[in-house]
């Protein structure tokens, strides 16, 4: 229900993230399902 200009509180970023360095030169699957799809976008970028 929030819109532009509204305020909220958060803590972050949290967690370890994906190890990107291991993908260099390799064929990669980036797989997301349901609400697990959105985190794959920045990974793909």
ModelCIF file with pLDDT and N, C-alpha, C, O atoms, coordinates in Angstrom:
data_MODEL
#
_entry.id   MODEL 
#
_entity.id                         1 
_entity.type                       polymer 
_entity.pdbx_number_of_molecules   1 
#
_entity_poly.entity_id                      1 
_entity_poly.type                           'polypeptide(L)' 
_entity_poly.nstd_linkage                   no 
_entity_poly.nstd_monomer                   no 
_entity_poly.pdbx_seq_one_letter_code       
;(UNK)(UNK)(UNK)(UNK)(UNK)(UNK)(UNK)(UNK)(UNK)(UNK)(UNK)(UNK)(UNK)(UNK)(UNK)(UNK)
(UNK)(UNK)(UNK)(UNK)(UNK)(UNK)(UNK)(UNK)(UNK)(UNK)(UNK)(UNK)(UNK)(UNK)(UNK)(UNK)
(UNK)(UNK)(UNK)(UNK)(UNK)(UNK)(UNK)(UNK)(UNK)(UNK)(UNK)(UNK)(UNK)
;
_entity_poly.pdbx_seq_one_letter_code_can   XXXXXXXXXXXXXXXXXXXXXXXXXXXXXXXXXXXXXXXXXXXXX 
_entity_poly.pdbx_strand_id                 A 
#
loop_
_entity_poly_seq.entity_id 
_entity_poly_seq.num 
_entity_poly_seq.mon_id 
_entity_poly_seq.hetero 
1 1  UNK n 
1 2  UNK n 
1 3  UNK n 
1 4  UNK n 
1 5  UNK n 
1 6  UNK n 
1 7  UNK n 
1 8  UNK n 
1 9  UNK n 
1 10 UNK n 
1 11 UNK n 
1 12 UNK n 
1 13 UNK n 
1 14 UNK n 
1 15 UNK n 
1 16 UNK n 
1 17 UNK n 
1 18 UNK n 
1 19 UNK n 
1 20 UNK n 
1 21 UNK n 
1 22 UNK n 
1 23 UNK n 
1 24 UNK n 
1 25 UNK n 
1 26 UNK n 
1 27 UNK n 
1 28 UNK n 
1 29 UNK n 
1 30 UNK n 
1 31 UNK n 
1 32 UNK n 
1 33 UNK n 
1 34 UNK n 
1 35 UNK n 
1 36 UNK n 
1 37 UNK n 
1 38 UNK n 
1 39 UNK n 
1 40 UNK n 
1 41 UNK n 
1 42 UNK n 
1 43 UNK n 
1 44 UNK n 
1 45 UNK n 
#
_struct_asym.id          A 
_struct_asym.entity_id   1 
#
loop_
_ma_qa_metric.id 
_ma_qa_metric.mode 
_ma_qa_metric.name 
_ma_qa_metric.software_group_id 
_ma_qa_metric.type 
1 global pLDDT . pLDDT 
2 local  pLDDT . pLDDT 
#
_ma_qa_metric_global.metric_id      1 
_ma_qa_metric_global.metric_value   95.96 
_ma_qa_metric_global.model_id       1 
_ma_qa_metric_global.ordinal_id     1 
#
loop_
_ma_qa_metric_local.label_asym_id 
_ma_qa_metric_local.label_comp_id 
_ma_qa_metric_local.label_seq_id 
_ma_qa_metric_local.metric_id 
_ma_qa_metric_local.metric_value 
_ma_qa_metric_local.model_id 
_ma_qa_metric_local.ordinal_id 
A UNK 1  2 96.00 1 1  
A UNK 2  2 96.00 1 2  
A UNK 3  2 97.00 1 3  
A UNK 4  2 97.00 1 4  
A UNK 5  2 97.00 1 5  
A UNK 6  2 97.00 1 6  
A UNK 7  2 97.00 1 7  
A UNK 8  2 95.00 1 8  
A UNK 9  2 96.00 1 9  
A UNK 10 2 96.00 1 10 
A UNK 11 2 94.00 1 11 
A UNK 12 2 94.00 1 12 
A UNK 13 2 95.00 1 13 
A UNK 14 2 93.00 1 14 
A UNK 15 2 90.00 1 15 
A UNK 16 2 91.00 1 16 
A UNK 17 2 93.00 1 17 
A UNK 18 2 96.00 1 18 
A UNK 19 2 95.00 1 19 
A UNK 20 2 95.00 1 20 
A UNK 21 2 94.00 1 21 
A UNK 22 2 94.00 1 22 
A UNK 23 2 96.00 1 23 
A UNK 24 2 95.00 1 24 
A UNK 25 2 96.00 1 25 
A UNK 26 2 97.00 1 26 
A UNK 27 2 98.00 1 27 
A UNK 28 2 98.00 1 28 
A UNK 29 2 98.00 1 29 
A UNK 30 2 98.00 1 30 
A UNK 31 2 98.00 1 31 
A UNK 32 2 98.00 1 32 
A UNK 33 2 97.00 1 33 
A UNK 34 2 94.00 1 34 
A UNK 35 2 94.00 1 35 
A UNK 36 2 95.00 1 36 
A UNK 37 2 97.00 1 37 
A UNK 38 2 97.00 1 38 
A UNK 39 2 96.00 1 39 
A UNK 40 2 98.00 1 40 
A UNK 41 2 98.00 1 41 
A UNK 42 2 98.00 1 42 
A UNK 43 2 98.00 1 43 
A UNK 44 2 98.00 1 44 
A UNK 45 2 98.00 1 45 
#
loop_
_atom_site.group_PDB 
_atom_site.id 
_atom_site.type_symbol 
_atom_site.label_atom_id 
_atom_site.label_alt_id 
_atom_site.label_comp_id 
_atom_site.label_asym_id 
_atom_site.label_entity_id 
_atom_site.label_seq_id 
_atom_site.pdbx_PDB_ins_code 
_atom_site.Cartn_x 
_atom_site.Cartn_y 
_atom_site.Cartn_z 
_atom_site.occupancy 
_atom_site.B_iso_or_equiv 
_atom_site.pdbx_formal_charge 
_atom_site.auth_seq_id 
_atom_site.auth_comp_id 
_atom_site.auth_asym_id 
_atom_site.auth_atom_id 
_atom_site.pdbx_PDB_model_num 
ATOM 1   N N  . UNK A 1 1  ? 0.815  -1.215  0.000   1.00 96.00 ? 1  UNK A N  1 
ATOM 2   C CA . UNK A 1 1  ? 0.000  0.000   0.000   1.00 96.00 ? 1  UNK A CA 1 
ATOM 3   C C  . UNK A 1 1  ? 0.853  1.270   0.000   1.00 96.00 ? 1  UNK A C  1 
ATOM 4   O O  . UNK A 1 1  ? 0.318  2.379   -0.023  1.00 96.00 ? 1  UNK A O  1 
ATOM 5   N N  . UNK A 1 2  ? 2.170  1.108   0.025   1.00 96.00 ? 2  UNK A N  1 
ATOM 6   C CA . UNK A 1 2  ? 3.062  2.262   0.080   1.00 96.00 ? 2  UNK A CA 1 
ATOM 7   C C  . UNK A 1 2  ? 3.294  2.826   -1.322  1.00 96.00 ? 2  UNK A C  1 
ATOM 8   O O  . UNK A 1 2  ? 3.172  2.121   -2.324  1.00 96.00 ? 2  UNK A O  1 
ATOM 9   N N  . UNK A 1 3  ? 3.633  4.121   -1.364  1.00 97.00 ? 3  UNK A N  1 
ATOM 10  C CA . UNK A 1 3  ? 3.903  4.776   -2.639  1.00 97.00 ? 3  UNK A CA 1 
ATOM 11  C C  . UNK A 1 3  ? 5.092  5.702   -2.548  1.00 97.00 ? 3  UNK A C  1 
ATOM 12  O O  . UNK A 1 3  ? 5.726  5.799   -1.497  1.00 97.00 ? 3  UNK A O  1 
ATOM 13  N N  . UNK A 1 4  ? 5.401  6.383   -3.636  1.00 97.00 ? 4  UNK A N  1 
ATOM 14  C CA . UNK A 1 4  ? 6.551  7.274   -3.698  1.00 97.00 ? 4  UNK A CA 1 
ATOM 15  C C  . UNK A 1 4  ? 6.512  8.310   -2.573  1.00 97.00 ? 4  UNK A C  1 
ATOM 16  O O  . UNK A 1 4  ? 5.495  8.964   -2.345  1.00 97.00 ? 4  UNK A O  1 
ATOM 17  N N  . UNK A 1 5  ? 7.640  8.441   -1.881  1.00 97.00 ? 5  UNK A N  1 
ATOM 18  C CA . UNK A 1 5  ? 7.745  9.401   -0.794  1.00 97.00 ? 5  UNK A CA 1 
ATOM 19  C C  . UNK A 1 5  ? 7.497  8.825   0.583   1.00 97.00 ? 5  UNK A C  1 
ATOM 20  O O  . UNK A 1 5  ? 7.876  9.430   1.586   1.00 97.00 ? 5  UNK A O  1 
ATOM 21  N N  . UNK A 1 6  ? 6.860  7.656   0.645   1.00 97.00 ? 6  UNK A N  1 
ATOM 22  C CA . UNK A 1 6  ? 6.626  7.019   1.946   1.00 97.00 ? 6  UNK A CA 1 
ATOM 23  C C  . UNK A 1 6  ? 7.945  6.537   2.536   1.00 97.00 ? 6  UNK A C  1 
ATOM 24  O O  . UNK A 1 6  ? 8.912  6.293   1.815   1.00 97.00 ? 6  UNK A O  1 
ATOM 25  N N  . UNK A 1 7  ? 7.967  6.405   3.861   1.00 97.00 ? 7  UNK A N  1 
ATOM 26  C CA . UNK A 1 7  ? 9.180  5.983   4.558   1.00 97.00 ? 7  UNK A CA 1 
ATOM 27  C C  . UNK A 1 7  ? 8.963  4.625   5.229   1.00 97.00 ? 7  UNK A C  1 
ATOM 28  O O  . UNK A 1 7  ? 7.858  4.293   5.659   1.00 97.00 ? 7  UNK A O  1 
ATOM 29  N N  . UNK A 1 8  ? 10.034 3.860   5.304   1.00 95.00 ? 8  UNK A N  1 
ATOM 30  C CA . UNK A 1 8  ? 10.003 2.613   6.058   1.00 95.00 ? 8  UNK A CA 1 
ATOM 31  C C  . UNK A 1 8  ? 11.383 2.369   6.636   1.00 95.00 ? 8  UNK A C  1 
ATOM 32  O O  . UNK A 1 8  ? 12.359 2.998   6.229   1.00 95.00 ? 8  UNK A O  1 
ATOM 33  N N  . UNK A 1 9  ? 11.456 1.451   7.589   1.00 96.00 ? 9  UNK A N  1 
ATOM 34  C CA . UNK A 1 9  ? 12.726 1.109   8.220   1.00 96.00 ? 9  UNK A CA 1 
ATOM 35  C C  . UNK A 1 9  ? 13.203 -0.244  7.728   1.00 96.00 ? 9  UNK A C  1 
ATOM 36  O O  . UNK A 1 9  ? 12.406 -1.143  7.458   1.00 96.00 ? 9  UNK A O  1 
ATOM 37  N N  . UNK A 1 10 ? 14.528 -0.372  7.614   1.00 96.00 ? 10 UNK A N  1 
ATOM 38  C CA . UNK A 1 10 ? 15.091 -1.662  7.212   1.00 96.00 ? 10 UNK A CA 1 
ATOM 39  C C  . UNK A 1 10 ? 16.497 -1.820  7.762   1.00 96.00 ? 10 UNK A C  1 
ATOM 40  O O  . UNK A 1 10 ? 17.134 -0.861  8.196   1.00 96.00 ? 10 UNK A O  1 
ATOM 41  N N  . UNK A 1 11 ? 16.952 -3.048  7.729   1.00 94.00 ? 11 UNK A N  1 
ATOM 42  C CA . UNK A 1 11 ? 18.344 -3.379  8.020   1.00 94.00 ? 11 UNK A CA 1 
ATOM 43  C C  . UNK A 1 11 ? 18.879 -4.148  6.818   1.00 94.00 ? 11 UNK A C  1 
ATOM 44  O O  . UNK A 1 11 ? 18.228 -5.072  6.331   1.00 94.00 ? 11 UNK A O  1 
ATOM 45  N N  . UNK A 1 12 ? 20.055 -3.773  6.342   1.00 94.00 ? 12 UNK A N  1 
ATOM 46  C CA . UNK A 1 12 ? 20.618 -4.491  5.209   1.00 94.00 ? 12 UNK A CA 1 
ATOM 47  C C  . UNK A 1 12 ? 21.837 -3.795  4.646   1.00 94.00 ? 12 UNK A C  1 
ATOM 48  O O  . UNK A 1 12 ? 22.195 -2.709  5.100   1.00 94.00 ? 12 UNK A O  1 
ATOM 49  N N  . UNK A 1 13 ? 22.481 -4.405  3.663   1.00 95.00 ? 13 UNK A N  1 
ATOM 50  C CA . UNK A 1 13 ? 22.154 -5.736  3.139   1.00 95.00 ? 13 UNK A CA 1 
ATOM 51  C C  . UNK A 1 13 ? 22.607 -6.828  4.093   1.00 95.00 ? 13 UNK A C  1 
ATOM 52  O O  . UNK A 1 13 ? 23.601 -6.674  4.803   1.00 95.00 ? 13 UNK A O  1 
ATOM 53  N N  . UNK A 1 14 ? 21.866 -7.942  4.104   1.00 93.00 ? 14 UNK A N  1 
ATOM 54  C CA . UNK A 1 14 ? 22.158 -9.070  4.988   1.00 93.00 ? 14 UNK A CA 1 
ATOM 55  C C  . UNK A 1 14 ? 22.432 -10.324 4.164   1.00 93.00 ? 14 UNK A C  1 
ATOM 56  O O  . UNK A 1 14 ? 22.032 -10.411 3.003   1.00 93.00 ? 14 UNK A O  1 
ATOM 57  N N  . UNK A 1 15 ? 23.104 -11.277 4.760   1.00 90.00 ? 15 UNK A N  1 
ATOM 58  C CA . UNK A 1 15 ? 23.406 -12.534 4.081   1.00 90.00 ? 15 UNK A CA 1 
ATOM 59  C C  . UNK A 1 15 ? 24.709 -12.479 3.307   1.00 90.00 ? 15 UNK A C  1 
ATOM 60  O O  . UNK A 1 15 ? 25.368 -11.441 3.239   1.00 90.00 ? 15 UNK A O  1 
ATOM 61  N N  . UNK A 1 16 ? 25.069 -13.611 2.727   1.00 91.00 ? 16 UNK A N  1 
ATOM 62  C CA . UNK A 1 16 ? 26.375 -13.728 2.082   1.00 91.00 ? 16 UNK A CA 1 
ATOM 63  C C  . UNK A 1 16 ? 26.381 -13.459 0.587   1.00 91.00 ? 16 UNK A C  1 
ATOM 64  O O  . UNK A 1 16 ? 27.411 -13.042 0.057   1.00 91.00 ? 16 UNK A O  1 
ATOM 65  N N  . UNK A 1 17 ? 25.281 -13.678 -0.111  1.00 93.00 ? 17 UNK A N  1 
ATOM 66  C CA . UNK A 1 17 ? 25.253 -13.478 -1.554  1.00 93.00 ? 17 UNK A CA 1 
ATOM 67  C C  . UNK A 1 17 ? 25.856 -14.641 -2.327  1.00 93.00 ? 17 UNK A C  1 
ATOM 68  O O  . UNK A 1 17 ? 26.427 -15.563 -1.745  1.00 93.00 ? 17 UNK A O  1 
ATOM 69  N N  . UNK A 1 18 ? 25.718 -14.584 -3.660  1.00 96.00 ? 18 UNK A N  1 
ATOM 70  C CA . UNK A 1 18 ? 26.221 -15.643 -4.529  1.00 96.00 ? 18 UNK A CA 1 
ATOM 71  C C  . UNK A 1 18 ? 27.715 -15.447 -4.823  1.00 96.00 ? 18 UNK A C  1 
ATOM 72  O O  . UNK A 1 18 ? 28.158 -14.310 -4.988  1.00 96.00 ? 18 UNK A O  1 
ATOM 73  N N  . UNK A 1 19 ? 28.495 -16.526 -4.890  1.00 95.00 ? 19 UNK A N  1 
ATOM 74  C CA . UNK A 1 19 ? 29.922 -16.437 -5.224  1.00 95.00 ? 19 UNK A CA 1 
ATOM 75  C C  . UNK A 1 19 ? 30.130 -16.295 -6.734  1.00 95.00 ? 19 UNK A C  1 
ATOM 76  O O  . UNK A 1 19 ? 30.216 -17.297 -7.444  1.00 95.00 ? 19 UNK A O  1 
ATOM 77  N N  . UNK A 1 20 ? 30.209 -15.087 -7.214  1.00 95.00 ? 20 UNK A N  1 
ATOM 78  C CA . UNK A 1 20 ? 30.267 -14.825 -8.648  1.00 95.00 ? 20 UNK A CA 1 
ATOM 79  C C  . UNK A 1 20 ? 31.574 -15.283 -9.294  1.00 95.00 ? 20 UNK A C  1 
ATOM 80  O O  . UNK A 1 20 ? 31.581 -15.672 -10.462 1.00 95.00 ? 20 UNK A O  1 
ATOM 81  N N  . UNK A 1 21 ? 32.670 -15.242 -8.553  1.00 94.00 ? 21 UNK A N  1 
ATOM 82  C CA . UNK A 1 21 ? 33.980 -15.516 -9.140  1.00 94.00 ? 21 UNK A CA 1 
ATOM 83  C C  . UNK A 1 21 ? 34.112 -16.922 -9.703  1.00 94.00 ? 21 UNK A C  1 
ATOM 84  O O  . UNK A 1 21 ? 34.914 -17.159 -10.606 1.00 94.00 ? 21 UNK A O  1 
ATOM 85  N N  . UNK A 1 22 ? 33.327 -17.858 -9.174  1.00 94.00 ? 22 UNK A N  1 
ATOM 86  C CA . UNK A 1 22 ? 33.457 -19.247 -9.612  1.00 94.00 ? 22 UNK A CA 1 
ATOM 87  C C  . UNK A 1 22 ? 32.882 -19.492 -11.007 1.00 94.00 ? 22 UNK A C  1 
ATOM 88  O O  . UNK A 1 22 ? 33.101 -20.556 -11.586 1.00 94.00 ? 22 UNK A O  1 
ATOM 89  N N  . UNK A 1 23 ? 32.156 -18.525 -11.546 1.00 96.00 ? 23 UNK A N  1 
ATOM 90  C CA . UNK A 1 23 ? 31.496 -18.717 -12.840 1.00 96.00 ? 23 UNK A CA 1 
ATOM 91  C C  . UNK A 1 23 ? 32.371 -18.334 -14.030 1.00 96.00 ? 23 UNK A C  1 
ATOM 92  O O  . UNK A 1 23 ? 31.996 -18.596 -15.173 1.00 96.00 ? 23 UNK A O  1 
ATOM 93  N N  . UNK A 1 24 ? 33.504 -17.731 -13.791 1.00 95.00 ? 24 UNK A N  1 
ATOM 94  C CA . UNK A 1 24 ? 34.323 -17.206 -14.883 1.00 95.00 ? 24 UNK A CA 1 
ATOM 95  C C  . UNK A 1 24 ? 34.688 -18.295 -15.894 1.00 95.00 ? 24 UNK A C  1 
ATOM 96  O O  . UNK A 1 24 ? 35.272 -19.320 -15.541 1.00 95.00 ? 24 UNK A O  1 
ATOM 97  N N  . UNK A 1 25 ? 34.330 -18.051 -17.158 1.00 96.00 ? 25 UNK A N  1 
ATOM 98  C CA . UNK A 1 25 ? 34.652 -18.968 -18.240 1.00 96.00 ? 25 UNK A CA 1 
ATOM 99  C C  . UNK A 1 25 ? 33.801 -20.221 -18.305 1.00 96.00 ? 25 UNK A C  1 
ATOM 100 O O  . UNK A 1 25 ? 34.071 -21.100 -19.124 1.00 96.00 ? 25 UNK A O  1 
ATOM 101 N N  . UNK A 1 26 ? 32.769 -20.329 -17.457 1.00 97.00 ? 26 UNK A N  1 
ATOM 102 C CA . UNK A 1 26 ? 31.971 -21.558 -17.383 1.00 97.00 ? 26 UNK A CA 1 
ATOM 103 C C  . UNK A 1 26 ? 30.563 -21.354 -17.962 1.00 97.00 ? 26 UNK A C  1 
ATOM 104 O O  . UNK A 1 26 ? 30.061 -20.234 -18.058 1.00 97.00 ? 26 UNK A O  1 
ATOM 105 N N  . UNK A 1 27 ? 29.954 -22.477 -18.339 1.00 98.00 ? 27 UNK A N  1 
ATOM 106 C CA . UNK A 1 27 ? 28.532 -22.472 -18.716 1.00 98.00 ? 27 UNK A CA 1 
ATOM 107 C C  . UNK A 1 27 ? 27.713 -22.505 -17.433 1.00 98.00 ? 27 UNK A C  1 
ATOM 108 O O  . UNK A 1 27 ? 27.929 -23.349 -16.564 1.00 98.00 ? 27 UNK A O  1 
ATOM 109 N N  . UNK A 1 28 ? 26.774 -21.577 -17.330 1.00 98.00 ? 28 UNK A N  1 
ATOM 110 C CA . UNK A 1 28 ? 26.079 -21.387 -16.058 1.00 98.00 ? 28 UNK A CA 1 
ATOM 111 C C  . UNK A 1 28 ? 24.565 -21.491 -16.225 1.00 98.00 ? 28 UNK A C  1 
ATOM 112 O O  . UNK A 1 28 ? 24.003 -21.006 -17.207 1.00 98.00 ? 28 UNK A O  1 
ATOM 113 N N  . UNK A 1 29 ? 23.906 -22.139 -15.240 1.00 98.00 ? 29 UNK A N  1 
ATOM 114 C CA . UNK A 1 29 ? 22.463 -22.074 -15.084 1.00 98.00 ? 29 UNK A CA 1 
ATOM 115 C C  . UNK A 1 29 ? 22.154 -21.096 -13.963 1.00 98.00 ? 29 UNK A C  1 
ATOM 116 O O  . UNK A 1 29 ? 22.662 -21.249 -12.852 1.00 98.00 ? 29 UNK A O  1 
ATOM 117 N N  . UNK A 1 30 ? 21.328 -20.091 -14.237 1.00 98.00 ? 30 UNK A N  1 
ATOM 118 C CA . UNK A 1 30 ? 20.776 -19.216 -13.215 1.00 98.00 ? 30 UNK A CA 1 
ATOM 119 C C  . UNK A 1 30 ? 19.306 -19.578 -13.116 1.00 98.00 ? 30 UNK A C  1 
ATOM 120 O O  . UNK A 1 30 ? 18.534 -19.295 -14.032 1.00 98.00 ? 30 UNK A O  1 
ATOM 121 N N  . UNK A 1 31 ? 18.909 -20.204 -12.011 1.00 98.00 ? 31 UNK A N  1 
ATOM 122 C CA . UNK A 1 31 ? 17.583 -20.806 -11.922 1.00 98.00 ? 31 UNK A CA 1 
ATOM 123 C C  . UNK A 1 31 ? 16.766 -20.182 -10.795 1.00 98.00 ? 31 UNK A C  1 
ATOM 124 O O  . UNK A 1 31 ? 17.215 -20.107 -9.651  1.00 98.00 ? 31 UNK A O  1 
ATOM 125 N N  . UNK A 1 32 ? 15.560 -19.737 -11.139 1.00 98.00 ? 32 UNK A N  1 
ATOM 126 C CA . UNK A 1 32 ? 14.670 -19.168 -10.136 1.00 98.00 ? 32 UNK A CA 1 
ATOM 127 C C  . UNK A 1 32 ? 13.271 -19.714 -10.295 1.00 98.00 ? 32 UNK A C  1 
ATOM 128 O O  . UNK A 1 32 ? 12.815 -19.954 -11.413 1.00 98.00 ? 32 UNK A O  1 
ATOM 129 N N  . UNK A 1 33 ? 12.590 -19.910 -9.185  1.00 97.00 ? 33 UNK A N  1 
ATOM 130 C CA . UNK A 1 33 ? 11.219 -20.395 -9.221  1.00 97.00 ? 33 UNK A CA 1 
ATOM 131 C C  . UNK A 1 33 ? 10.332 -19.597 -8.298  1.00 97.00 ? 33 UNK A C  1 
ATOM 132 O O  . UNK A 1 33 ? 10.705 -19.337 -7.154  1.00 97.00 ? 33 UNK A O  1 
ATOM 133 N N  . UNK A 1 34 ? 9.144  -19.196 -8.778  1.00 94.00 ? 34 UNK A N  1 
ATOM 134 C CA . UNK A 1 34 ? 8.203  -18.449 -7.942  1.00 94.00 ? 34 UNK A CA 1 
ATOM 135 C C  . UNK A 1 34 ? 8.802  -17.132 -7.484  1.00 94.00 ? 34 UNK A C  1 
ATOM 136 O O  . UNK A 1 34 ? 9.348  -16.378 -8.289  1.00 94.00 ? 34 UNK A O  1 
ATOM 137 N N  . UNK A 1 35 ? 8.699  -16.855 -6.184  1.00 94.00 ? 35 UNK A N  1 
ATOM 138 C CA . UNK A 1 35 ? 9.253  -15.608 -5.668  1.00 94.00 ? 35 UNK A CA 1 
ATOM 139 C C  . UNK A 1 35 ? 10.764 -15.722 -5.499  1.00 94.00 ? 35 UNK A C  1 
ATOM 140 O O  . UNK A 1 35 ? 11.405 -14.786 -5.021  1.00 94.00 ? 35 UNK A O  1 
ATOM 141 N N  . UNK A 1 36 ? 11.340 -16.865 -5.888  1.00 95.00 ? 36 UNK A N  1 
ATOM 142 C CA . UNK A 1 36 ? 12.791 -17.013 -5.972  1.00 95.00 ? 36 UNK A CA 1 
ATOM 143 C C  . UNK A 1 36 ? 13.328 -16.530 -7.306  1.00 95.00 ? 36 UNK A C  1 
ATOM 144 O O  . UNK A 1 36 ? 14.536 -16.574 -7.536  1.00 95.00 ? 36 UNK A O  1 
ATOM 145 N N  . UNK A 1 37 ? 12.449 -16.070 -8.193  1.00 97.00 ? 37 UNK A N  1 
ATOM 146 C CA . UNK A 1 37 ? 12.875 -15.527 -9.484  1.00 97.00 ? 37 UNK A CA 1 
ATOM 147 C C  . UNK A 1 37 ? 13.571 -14.166 -9.337  1.00 97.00 ? 37 UNK A C  1 
ATOM 148 O O  . UNK A 1 37 ? 14.634 -13.979 -9.930  1.00 97.00 ? 37 UNK A O  1 
ATOM 149 N N  . UNK A 1 38 ? 13.017 -13.201 -8.569  1.00 97.00 ? 38 UNK A N  1 
ATOM 150 C CA . UNK A 1 38 ? 13.619 -11.862 -8.514  1.00 97.00 ? 38 UNK A CA 1 
ATOM 151 C C  . UNK A 1 38 ? 15.101 -11.810 -8.143  1.00 97.00 ? 38 UNK A C  1 
ATOM 152 O O  . UNK A 1 38 ? 15.828 -11.041 -8.772  1.00 97.00 ? 38 UNK A O  1 
ATOM 153 N N  . UNK A 1 39 ? 15.601 -12.577 -7.160  1.00 96.00 ? 39 UNK A N  1 
ATOM 154 C CA . UNK A 1 39 ? 17.026 -12.472 -6.828  1.00 96.00 ? 39 UNK A CA 1 
ATOM 155 C C  . UNK A 1 39 ? 17.958 -12.867 -7.965  1.00 96.00 ? 39 UNK A C  1 
ATOM 156 O O  . UNK A 1 39 ? 19.139 -12.520 -7.951  1.00 96.00 ? 39 UNK A O  1 
ATOM 157 N N  . UNK A 1 40 ? 17.433 -13.590 -8.951  1.00 98.00 ? 40 UNK A N  1 
ATOM 158 C CA . UNK A 1 40 ? 18.261 -14.035 -10.067 1.00 98.00 ? 40 UNK A CA 1 
ATOM 159 C C  . UNK A 1 40 ? 18.576 -12.880 -11.022 1.00 98.00 ? 40 UNK A C  1 
ATOM 160 O O  . UNK A 1 40 ? 19.554 -12.957 -11.765 1.00 98.00 ? 40 UNK A O  1 
ATOM 161 N N  . UNK A 1 41 ? 17.772 -11.817 -11.021 1.00 98.00 ? 41 UNK A N  1 
ATOM 162 C CA . UNK A 1 41 ? 17.969 -10.736 -11.986 1.00 98.00 ? 41 UNK A CA 1 
ATOM 163 C C  . UNK A 1 41 ? 19.294 -10.011 -11.784 1.00 98.00 ? 41 UNK A C  1 
ATOM 164 O O  . UNK A 1 41 ? 20.065 -9.871  -12.733 1.00 98.00 ? 41 UNK A O  1 
ATOM 165 N N  . UNK A 1 42 ? 19.574 -9.550  -10.572 1.00 98.00 ? 42 UNK A N  1 
ATOM 166 C CA . UNK A 1 42 ? 20.848 -8.851  -10.357 1.00 98.00 ? 42 UNK A CA 1 
ATOM 167 C C  . UNK A 1 42 ? 22.027 -9.800  -10.561 1.00 98.00 ? 42 UNK A C  1 
ATOM 168 O O  . UNK A 1 42 ? 23.086 -9.389  -11.036 1.00 98.00 ? 42 UNK A O  1 
ATOM 169 N N  . UNK A 1 43 ? 21.843 -11.057 -10.203 1.00 98.00 ? 43 UNK A N  1 
ATOM 170 C CA . UNK A 1 43 ? 22.876 -12.062 -10.463 1.00 98.00 ? 43 UNK A CA 1 
ATOM 171 C C  . UNK A 1 43 ? 23.165 -12.151 -11.953 1.00 98.00 ? 43 UNK A C  1 
ATOM 172 O O  . UNK A 1 43 ? 24.325 -12.202 -12.363 1.00 98.00 ? 43 UNK A O  1 
ATOM 173 N N  . UNK A 1 44 ? 22.104 -12.170 -12.768 1.00 98.00 ? 44 UNK A N  1 
ATOM 174 C CA . UNK A 1 44 ? 22.272 -12.244 -14.225 1.00 98.00 ? 44 UNK A CA 1 
ATOM 175 C C  . UNK A 1 44 ? 22.972 -11.001 -14.762 1.00 98.00 ? 44 UNK A C  1 
ATOM 176 O O  . UNK A 1 44 ? 23.734 -11.091 -15.725 1.00 98.00 ? 44 UNK A O  1 
ATOM 177 N N  . UNK A 1 45 ? 22.727 -9.858  -14.160 1.00 98.00 ? 45 UNK A N  1 
ATOM 178 C CA . UNK A 1 45 ? 23.337 -8.619  -14.620 1.00 98.00 ? 45 UNK A CA 1 
ATOM 179 C C  . UNK A 1 45 ? 24.828 -8.550  -14.294 1.00 98.00 ? 45 UNK A C  1 
ATOM 180 O O  . UNK A 1 45 ? 25.486 -7.562  -14.620 1.00 98.00 ? 45 UNK A O  1 
#
